[in-house]
Amino acid sequence: MQLGANPQDIFLGTLNAGHPGGMLPLTSAEAETLHSPLLPDNLYGSDATILPQSLGLPPMLTIMAMAKRIAKNIEKAF
């Protein structure tokens, strides 16, 4: 209370890993290119945003693997 925060207003989060995902989930049709049609042609998401949902565990290795594949796709396209 010393800093002005009401203890009843404090939100400690949920009981999952806290890595949100699924804000712009890719469909199976987009699995090959890893590019959402909702984005411009030259813009890719390469973080947990493109996962279908929050994994509930730290997604770092999955994100690194996807980012590497996206980079290879971009390299082929240009």
PDB file of N, CA and C in Angstrom:
ATOM      1  N   MET A   1       0.823  -1.191   0.000  1.00  0.00           N
ATOM      2  CA  MET A   1       0.000   0.000   0.000  1.00  0.00           C
ATOM      3  C   MET A   1       0.866   1.253   0.000  1.00  0.00           C
ATOM      4  N   GLN A   2       2.130   1.126   0.359  1.00  0.00           N
ATOM      5  CA  GLN A   2       2.995   2.291   0.428  1.00  0.00           C
ATOM      6  C   GLN A   2       3.197   2.944  -0.938  1.00  0.00           C
ATOM      7  N   LEU A   3       3.133   2.160  -2.006  1.00  0.00           N
ATOM      8  CA  LEU A   3       3.339   2.715  -3.346  1.00  0.00           C
ATOM      9  C   LEU A   3       2.027   3.081  -4.025  1.00  0.00           C
ATOM     10  N   GLY A   4       0.934   2.935  -3.326  1.00  0.00           N
ATOM     11  CA  GLY A   4      -0.355   3.337  -3.861  1.00  0.00           C
ATOM     12  C   GLY A   4      -1.122   2.228  -4.551  1.00  0.00           C
ATOM     13  N   ALA A   5      -0.625   1.003  -4.516  1.00  0.00           N
ATOM     14  CA  ALA A   5      -1.325  -0.113  -5.154  1.00  0.00           C
ATOM     15  C   ALA A   5      -2.284  -0.743  -4.148  1.00  0.00           C
ATOM     16  N   ASN A   6      -3.500  -0.907  -4.575  1.00  0.00           N
ATOM     17  CA  ASN A   6      -4.494  -1.567  -3.750  1.00  0.00           C
ATOM     18  C   ASN A   6      -4.274  -3.074  -3.897  1.00  0.00           C
ATOM     19  N   PRO A   7      -4.021  -3.809  -2.827  1.00  0.00           N
ATOM     20  CA  PRO A   7      -3.762  -5.250  -2.915  1.00  0.00           C
ATOM     21  C   PRO A   7      -4.861  -6.025  -3.642  1.00  0.00           C
ATOM     22  N   GLN A   8      -6.085  -5.554  -3.608  1.00  0.00           N
ATOM     23  CA  GLN A   8      -7.181  -6.228  -4.291  1.00  0.00           C
ATOM     24  C   GLN A   8      -7.118  -6.045  -5.808  1.00  0.00           C
ATOM     25  N   ASP A   9      -6.343  -5.070  -6.290  1.00  0.00           N
ATOM     26  CA  ASP A   9      -6.229  -4.814  -7.717  1.00  0.00           C
ATOM     27  C   ASP A   9      -5.006  -5.473  -8.351  1.00  0.00           C
ATOM     28  N   ILE A  10      -4.201  -6.159  -7.567  1.00  0.00           N
ATOM     29  CA  ILE A  10      -2.981  -6.779  -8.087  1.00  0.00           C
ATOM     30  C   ILE A  10      -3.340  -8.106  -8.735  1.00  0.00           C
ATOM     31  N   PHE A  11      -2.893  -8.277  -9.980  1.00  0.00           N
ATOM     32  CA  PHE A  11      -3.122  -9.514 -10.730  1.00  0.00           C
ATOM     33  C   PHE A  11      -1.789 -10.221 -10.892  1.00  0.00           C
ATOM     34  N   LEU A  12      -1.683 -11.427 -10.416  1.00  0.00           N
ATOM     35  CA  LEU A  12      -0.419 -12.157 -10.434  1.00  0.00           C
ATOM     36  C   LEU A  12      -0.258 -13.036 -11.674  1.00  0.00           C
ATOM     37  N   GLY A  13      -1.224 -13.078 -12.540  1.00  0.00           N
ATOM     38  CA  GLY A  13      -1.113 -13.883 -13.754  1.00  0.00           C
ATOM     39  C   GLY A  13      -1.789 -15.224 -13.610  1.00  0.00           C
ATOM     40  N   THR A  14      -1.674 -16.001 -14.665  1.00  0.00           N
ATOM     41  CA  THR A  14      -2.299 -17.322 -14.666  1.00  0.00           C
ATOM     42  C   THR A  14      -1.265 -18.382 -14.298  1.00  0.00           C
ATOM     43  N   LEU A  15      -1.702 -19.604 -14.211  1.00  0.00           N
ATOM     44  CA  LEU A  15      -0.820 -20.683 -13.800  1.00  0.00           C
ATOM     45  C   LEU A  15      -0.154 -21.379 -14.980  1.00  0.00           C
ATOM     46  N   ASN A  16      -0.094 -20.743 -16.148  1.00  0.00           N
ATOM     47  CA  ASN A  16       0.645 -21.339 -17.261  1.00  0.00           C
ATOM     48  C   ASN A  16       1.995 -20.633 -17.377  1.00  0.00           C
ATOM     49  N   ALA A  17       2.741 -20.949 -18.403  1.00  0.00           N
ATOM     50  CA  ALA A  17       4.103 -20.435 -18.531  1.00  0.00           C
ATOM     51  C   ALA A  17       4.151 -18.931 -18.787  1.00  0.00           C
ATOM     52  N   GLY A  18       3.045 -18.340 -19.131  1.00  0.00           N
ATOM     53  CA  GLY A  18       3.021 -16.898 -19.338  1.00  0.00           C
ATOM     54  C   GLY A  18       3.589 -16.461 -20.675  1.00  0.00           C
ATOM     55  N   HIS A  19       3.700 -17.378 -21.627  1.00  0.00           N
ATOM     56  CA  HIS A  19       4.162 -17.032 -22.973  1.00  0.00           C
ATOM     57  C   HIS A  19       2.943 -17.032 -23.884  1.00  0.00           C
ATOM     58  N   PRO A  20       2.328 -15.872 -24.076  1.00  0.00           N
ATOM     59  CA  PRO A  20       1.127 -15.860 -24.900  1.00  0.00           C
ATOM     60  C   PRO A  20       1.447 -16.240 -26.342  1.00  0.00           C
ATOM     61  N   GLY A  21       0.531 -16.869 -26.961  1.00  0.00           N
ATOM     62  CA  GLY A  21       0.669 -17.238 -28.356  1.00  0.00           C
ATOM     63  C   GLY A  21      -0.691 -17.218 -29.000  1.00  0.00           C
ATOM     64  N   GLY A  22      -0.707 -17.319 -30.297  1.00  0.00           N
ATOM     65  CA  GLY A  22      -1.964 -17.417 -31.001  1.00  0.00           C
ATOM     66  C   GLY A  22      -2.631 -16.108 -31.349  1.00  0.00           C
ATOM     67  N   MET A  23      -1.899 -15.010 -31.320  1.00  0.00           N
ATOM     68  CA  MET A  23      -2.514 -13.727 -31.685  1.00  0.00           C
ATOM     69  C   MET A  23      -2.760 -13.644 -33.196  1.00  0.00           C
ATOM     70  N   LEU A  24      -1.939 -14.330 -33.976  1.00  0.00           N
ATOM     71  CA  LEU A  24      -2.088 -14.386 -35.432  1.00  0.00           C
ATOM     72  C   LEU A  24      -1.749 -15.816 -35.859  1.00  0.00           C
ATOM     73  N   PRO A  25      -2.542 -16.790 -35.400  1.00  0.00           N
ATOM     74  CA  PRO A  25      -2.201 -18.192 -35.621  1.00  0.00           C
ATOM     75  C   PRO A  25      -2.229 -18.573 -37.092  1.00  0.00           C
ATOM     76  N   LEU A  26      -1.264 -19.376 -37.486  1.00  0.00           N
ATOM     77  CA  LEU A  26      -1.215 -19.863 -38.858  1.00  0.00           C
ATOM     78  C   LEU A  26      -2.105 -21.096 -38.991  1.00  0.00           C
ATOM     79  N   THR A  27      -2.671 -21.264 -40.167  1.00  0.00           N
ATOM     80  CA  THR A  27      -3.485 -22.446 -40.433  1.00  0.00           C
ATOM     81  C   THR A  27      -2.616 -23.498 -41.098  1.00  0.00           C
ATOM     82  N   SER A  28      -3.163 -24.675 -41.287  1.00  0.00           N
ATOM     83  CA  SER A  28      -2.405 -25.739 -41.954  1.00  0.00           C
ATOM     84  C   SER A  28      -2.088 -25.357 -43.394  1.00  0.00           C
ATOM     85  N   ALA A  29      -2.933 -24.545 -44.024  1.00  0.00           N
ATOM     86  CA  ALA A  29      -2.675 -24.095 -45.391  1.00  0.00           C
ATOM     87  C   ALA A  29      -1.461 -23.162 -45.449  1.00  0.00           C
ATOM     88  N   GLU A  30      -1.151 -22.508 -44.355  1.00  0.00           N
ATOM     89  CA  GLU A  30      -0.028 -21.560 -44.310  1.00  0.00           C
ATOM     90  C   GLU A  30       1.242 -22.196 -43.728  1.00  0.00           C
ATOM     91  N   ALA A  31       1.196 -23.499 -43.427  1.00  0.00           N
ATOM     92  CA  ALA A  31       2.317 -24.178 -42.770  1.00  0.00           C
ATOM     93  C   ALA A  31       3.570 -24.192 -43.634  1.00  0.00           C
ATOM     94  N   GLU A  32       3.426 -24.273 -44.940  1.00  0.00           N
ATOM     95  CA  GLU A  32       4.598 -24.346 -45.821  1.00  0.00           C
ATOM     96  C   GLU A  32       5.366 -23.023 -45.854  1.00  0.00           C
ATOM     97  N   THR A  33       4.649 -21.921 -45.975  1.00  0.00           N
ATOM     98  CA  THR A  33       5.308 -20.613 -46.084  1.00  0.00           C
ATOM     99  C   THR A  33       5.521 -19.931 -44.743  1.00  0.00           C
ATOM    100  N   LEU A  34       4.763 -20.341 -43.733  1.00  0.00           N
ATOM    101  CA  LEU A  34       4.779 -19.692 -42.414  1.00  0.00           C
ATOM    102  C   LEU A  34       4.496 -18.191 -42.533  1.00  0.00           C
ATOM    103  N   HIS A  35       3.636 -17.846 -43.478  1.00  0.00           N
ATOM    104  CA  HIS A  35       3.259 -16.441 -43.697  1.00  0.00           C
ATOM    105  C   HIS A  35       1.754 -16.318 -43.633  1.00  0.00           C
ATOM    106  N   SER A  36       1.287 -15.383 -42.840  1.00  0.00           N
ATOM    107  CA  SER A  36      -0.148 -15.134 -42.721  1.00  0.00           C
ATOM    108  C   SER A  36      -0.611 -14.226 -43.853  1.00  0.00           C
ATOM    109  N   PRO A  37      -1.719 -14.554 -44.495  1.00  0.00           N
ATOM    110  CA  PRO A  37      -2.253 -13.684 -45.545  1.00  0.00           C
ATOM    111  C   PRO A  37      -2.769 -12.348 -45.002  1.00  0.00           C
ATOM    112  N   LEU A  38      -2.870 -12.246 -43.689  1.00  0.00           N
ATOM    113  CA  LEU A  38      -3.307 -10.989 -43.080  1.00  0.00           C
ATOM    114  C   LEU A  38      -2.179  -9.960 -43.020  1.00  0.00           C
ATOM    115  N   LEU A  39      -0.942 -10.402 -43.297  1.00  0.00           N
ATOM    116  CA  LEU A  39       0.219  -9.511 -43.262  1.00  0.00           C
ATOM    117  C   LEU A  39       0.643  -9.142 -44.682  1.00  0.00           C
ATOM    118  N   PRO A  40       1.299  -8.002 -44.853  1.00  0.00           N
ATOM    119  CA  PRO A  40       1.851  -7.669 -46.171  1.00  0.00           C
ATOM    120  C   PRO A  40       2.833  -8.759 -46.614  1.00  0.00           C
ATOM    121  N   ASP A  41       3.039  -8.859 -47.914  1.00  0.00           N
ATOM    122  CA  ASP A  41       3.905  -9.911 -48.461  1.00  0.00           C
ATOM    123  C   ASP A  41       5.316  -9.900 -47.889  1.00  0.00           C
ATOM    124  N   ASN A  42       5.814  -8.735 -47.537  1.00  0.00           N
ATOM    125  CA  ASN A  42       7.194  -8.638 -47.065  1.00  0.00           C
ATOM    126  C   ASN A  42       7.307  -8.572 -45.536  1.00  0.00           C
ATOM    127  N   LEU A  43       6.252  -8.979 -44.841  1.00  0.00           N
ATOM    128  CA  LEU A  43       6.268  -8.943 -43.378  1.00  0.00           C
ATOM    129  C   LEU A  43       5.895 -10.316 -42.823  1.00  0.00           C
ATOM    130  N   TYR A  44       6.745 -10.849 -41.966  1.00  0.00           N
ATOM    131  CA  TYR A  44       6.525 -12.155 -41.351  1.00  0.00           C
ATOM    132  C   TYR A  44       6.537 -12.012 -39.840  1.00  0.00           C
ATOM    133  N   GLY A  45       5.726 -12.805 -39.185  1.00  0.00           N
ATOM    134  CA  GLY A  45       5.816 -12.930 -37.737  1.00  0.00           C
ATOM    135  C   GLY A  45       6.679 -14.141 -37.443  1.00  0.00           C
ATOM    136  N   SER A  46       7.600 -14.014 -36.537  1.00  0.00           N
ATOM    137  CA  SER A  46       8.459 -15.167 -36.218  1.00  0.00           C
ATOM    138  C   SER A  46       8.611 -15.313 -34.711  1.00  0.00           C
ATOM    139  N   ASP A  47       7.504 -15.166 -34.016  1.00  0.00           N
ATOM    140  CA  ASP A  47       7.510 -15.354 -32.570  1.00  0.00           C
ATOM    141  C   ASP A  47       6.284 -16.173 -32.183  1.00  0.00           C
ATOM    142  N   ALA A  48       5.934 -16.187 -30.930  1.00  0.00           N
ATOM    143  CA  ALA A  48       4.807 -16.996 -30.465  1.00  0.00           C
ATOM    144  C   ALA A  48       3.478 -16.536 -31.049  1.00  0.00           C
ATOM    145  N   THR A  49       3.456 -15.389 -31.683  1.00  0.00           N
ATOM    146  CA  THR A  49       2.238 -14.872 -32.290  1.00  0.00           C
ATOM    147  C   THR A  49       1.656 -15.847 -33.297  1.00  0.00           C
ATOM    148  N   ILE A  50       2.500 -16.529 -34.071  1.00  0.00           N
ATOM    149  CA  ILE A  50       1.995 -17.394 -35.134  1.00  0.00           C
ATOM    150  C   ILE A  50       1.688 -18.814 -34.672  1.00  0.00           C
ATOM    151  N   LEU A  51       1.963 -19.115 -33.412  1.00  0.00           N
ATOM    152  CA  LEU A  51       1.591 -20.422 -32.873  1.00  0.00           C
ATOM    153  C   LEU A  51       0.075 -20.493 -32.741  1.00  0.00           C
ATOM    154  N   PRO A  52      -0.499 -21.686 -32.859  1.00  0.00           N
ATOM    155  CA  PRO A  52      -1.961 -21.778 -32.789  1.00  0.00           C
ATOM    156  C   PRO A  52      -2.545 -21.381 -31.435  1.00  0.00           C
ATOM    157  N   GLN A  53      -1.757 -21.540 -30.382  1.00  0.00           N
ATOM    158  CA  GLN A  53      -2.201 -21.172 -29.027  1.00  0.00           C
ATOM    159  C   GLN A  53      -0.995 -21.128 -28.113  1.00  0.00           C
ATOM    160  N   SER A  54      -1.187 -20.653 -26.914  1.00  0.00           N
ATOM    161  CA  SER A  54      -0.104 -20.667 -25.941  1.00  0.00           C
ATOM    162  C   SER A  54       0.275 -22.108 -25.648  1.00  0.00           C
ATOM    163  N   LEU A  55       1.571 -22.400 -25.651  1.00  0.00           N
ATOM    164  CA  LEU A  55       2.027 -23.772 -25.433  1.00  0.00           C
ATOM    165  C   LEU A  55       2.014 -24.166 -23.967  1.00  0.00           C
ATOM    166  N   GLY A  56       2.014 -23.198 -23.082  1.00  0.00           N
ATOM    167  CA  GLY A  56       2.030 -23.501 -21.660  1.00  0.00           C
ATOM    168  C   GLY A  56       3.410 -23.820 -21.128  1.00  0.00           C
ATOM    169  N   LEU A  57       4.385 -23.876 -21.985  1.00  0.00           N
ATOM    170  CA  LEU A  57       5.777 -24.110 -21.619  1.00  0.00           C
ATOM    171  C   LEU A  57       6.627 -23.078 -22.349  1.00  0.00           C
ATOM    172  N   PRO A  58       7.837 -22.847 -21.926  1.00  0.00           N
ATOM    173  CA  PRO A  58       8.681 -21.900 -22.648  1.00  0.00           C
ATOM    174  C   PRO A  58       8.859 -22.324 -24.115  1.00  0.00           C
ATOM    175  N   PRO A  59       8.475 -21.476 -25.059  1.00  0.00           N
ATOM    176  CA  PRO A  59       8.494 -21.846 -26.479  1.00  0.00           C
ATOM    177  C   PRO A  59       9.769 -21.449 -27.212  1.00  0.00           C
ATOM    178  N   MET A  60      10.839 -21.169 -26.503  1.00  0.00           N
ATOM    179  CA  MET A  60      12.031 -20.590 -27.131  1.00  0.00           C
ATOM    180  C   MET A  60      12.596 -21.445 -28.267  1.00  0.00           C
ATOM    181  N   LEU A  61      12.746 -22.748 -28.059  1.00  0.00           N
ATOM    182  CA  LEU A  61      13.304 -23.605 -29.111  1.00  0.00           C
ATOM    183  C   LEU A  61      12.378 -23.675 -30.323  1.00  0.00           C
ATOM    184  N   THR A  62      11.078 -23.730 -30.085  1.00  0.00           N
ATOM    185  CA  THR A  62      10.106 -23.742 -31.187  1.00  0.00           C
ATOM    186  C   THR A  62      10.190 -22.447 -31.974  1.00  0.00           C
ATOM    187  N   ILE A  63      10.277 -21.327 -31.280  1.00  0.00           N
ATOM    188  CA  ILE A  63      10.357 -20.023 -31.947  1.00  0.00           C
ATOM    189  C   ILE A  63      11.646 -19.910 -32.747  1.00  0.00           C
ATOM    190  N   MET A  64      12.762 -20.373 -32.193  1.00  0.00           N
ATOM    191  CA  MET A  64      14.032 -20.306 -32.934  1.00  0.00           C
ATOM    192  C   MET A  64      13.977 -21.172 -34.191  1.00  0.00           C
ATOM    193  N   ALA A  65      13.392 -22.354 -34.090  1.00  0.00           N
ATOM    194  CA  ALA A  65      13.284 -23.231 -35.260  1.00  0.00           C
ATOM    195  C   ALA A  65      12.389 -22.601 -36.328  1.00  0.00           C
ATOM    196  N   MET A  66      11.259 -22.016 -35.915  1.00  0.00           N
ATOM    197  CA  MET A  66      10.370 -21.365 -36.883  1.00  0.00           C
ATOM    198  C   MET A  66      11.048 -20.168 -37.527  1.00  0.00           C
ATOM    199  N   ALA A  67      11.747 -19.368 -36.748  1.00  0.00           N
ATOM    200  CA  ALA A  67      12.423 -18.189 -37.282  1.00  0.00           C
ATOM    201  C   ALA A  67      13.489 -18.589 -38.305  1.00  0.00           C
ATOM    202  N   LYS A  68      14.189 -19.681 -38.042  1.00  0.00           N
ATOM    203  CA  LYS A  68      15.199 -20.168 -38.982  1.00  0.00           C
ATOM    204  C   LYS A  68      14.548 -20.619 -40.286  1.00  0.00           C
ATOM    205  N   ARG A  69      13.438 -21.308 -40.171  1.00  0.00           N
ATOM    206  CA  ARG A  69      12.716 -21.752 -41.378  1.00  0.00           C
ATOM    207  C   ARG A  69      12.138 -20.567 -42.148  1.00  0.00           C
ATOM    208  N   ILE A  70      11.611 -19.591 -41.441  1.00  0.00           N
ATOM    209  CA  ILE A  70      11.081 -18.388 -42.092  1.00  0.00           C
ATOM    210  C   ILE A  70      12.199 -17.668 -42.831  1.00  0.00           C
ATOM    211  N   ALA A  71      13.368 -17.558 -42.207  1.00  0.00           N
ATOM    212  CA  ALA A  71      14.505 -16.897 -42.864  1.00  0.00           C
ATOM    213  C   ALA A  71      14.885 -17.629 -44.146  1.00  0.00           C
ATOM    214  N   LYS A  72      14.878 -18.958 -44.122  1.00  0.00           N
ATOM    215  CA  LYS A  72      15.188 -19.720 -45.337  1.00  0.00           C
ATOM    216  C   LYS A  72      14.133 -19.502 -46.417  1.00  0.00           C
ATOM    217  N   ASN A  73      12.857 -19.426 -46.022  1.00  0.00           N
ATOM    218  CA  ASN A  73      11.793 -19.140 -46.987  1.00  0.00           C
ATOM    219  C   ASN A  73      11.952 -17.772 -47.617  1.00  0.00           C
ATOM    220  N   ILE A  74      12.309 -16.795 -46.810  1.00  0.00           N
ATOM    221  CA  ILE A  74      12.521 -15.434 -47.326  1.00  0.00           C
ATOM    222  C   ILE A  74      13.709 -15.404 -48.278  1.00  0.00           C
ATOM    223  N   GLU A  75      14.761 -16.100 -47.911  1.00  0.00           N
ATOM    224  CA  GLU A  75      15.956 -16.158 -48.756  1.00  0.00           C
ATOM    225  C   GLU A  75      15.641 -16.766 -50.128  1.00  0.00           C
ATOM    226  N   LYS A  76      14.834 -17.820 -50.152  1.00  0.00           N
ATOM    227  CA  LYS A  76      14.430 -18.436 -51.414  1.00  0.00           C
ATOM    228  C   LYS A  76      13.573 -17.494 -52.264  1.00  0.00           C
ATOM    229  N   ALA A  77      12.701 -16.747 -51.596  1.00  0.00           N
ATOM    230  CA  ALA A  77      11.760 -15.878 -52.312  1.00  0.00           C
ATOM    231  C   ALA A  77      12.443 -14.667 -52.943  1.00  0.00           C
ATOM    232  N   PHE A  78      13.533 -14.236 -52.372  1.00  0.00           N
ATOM    233  CA  PHE A  78      14.197 -13.035 -52.888  1.00  0.00           C
ATOM    234  C   PHE A  78      15.524 -13.419 -53.401  1.00  0.00           C
TER     235      PHE A  78
END
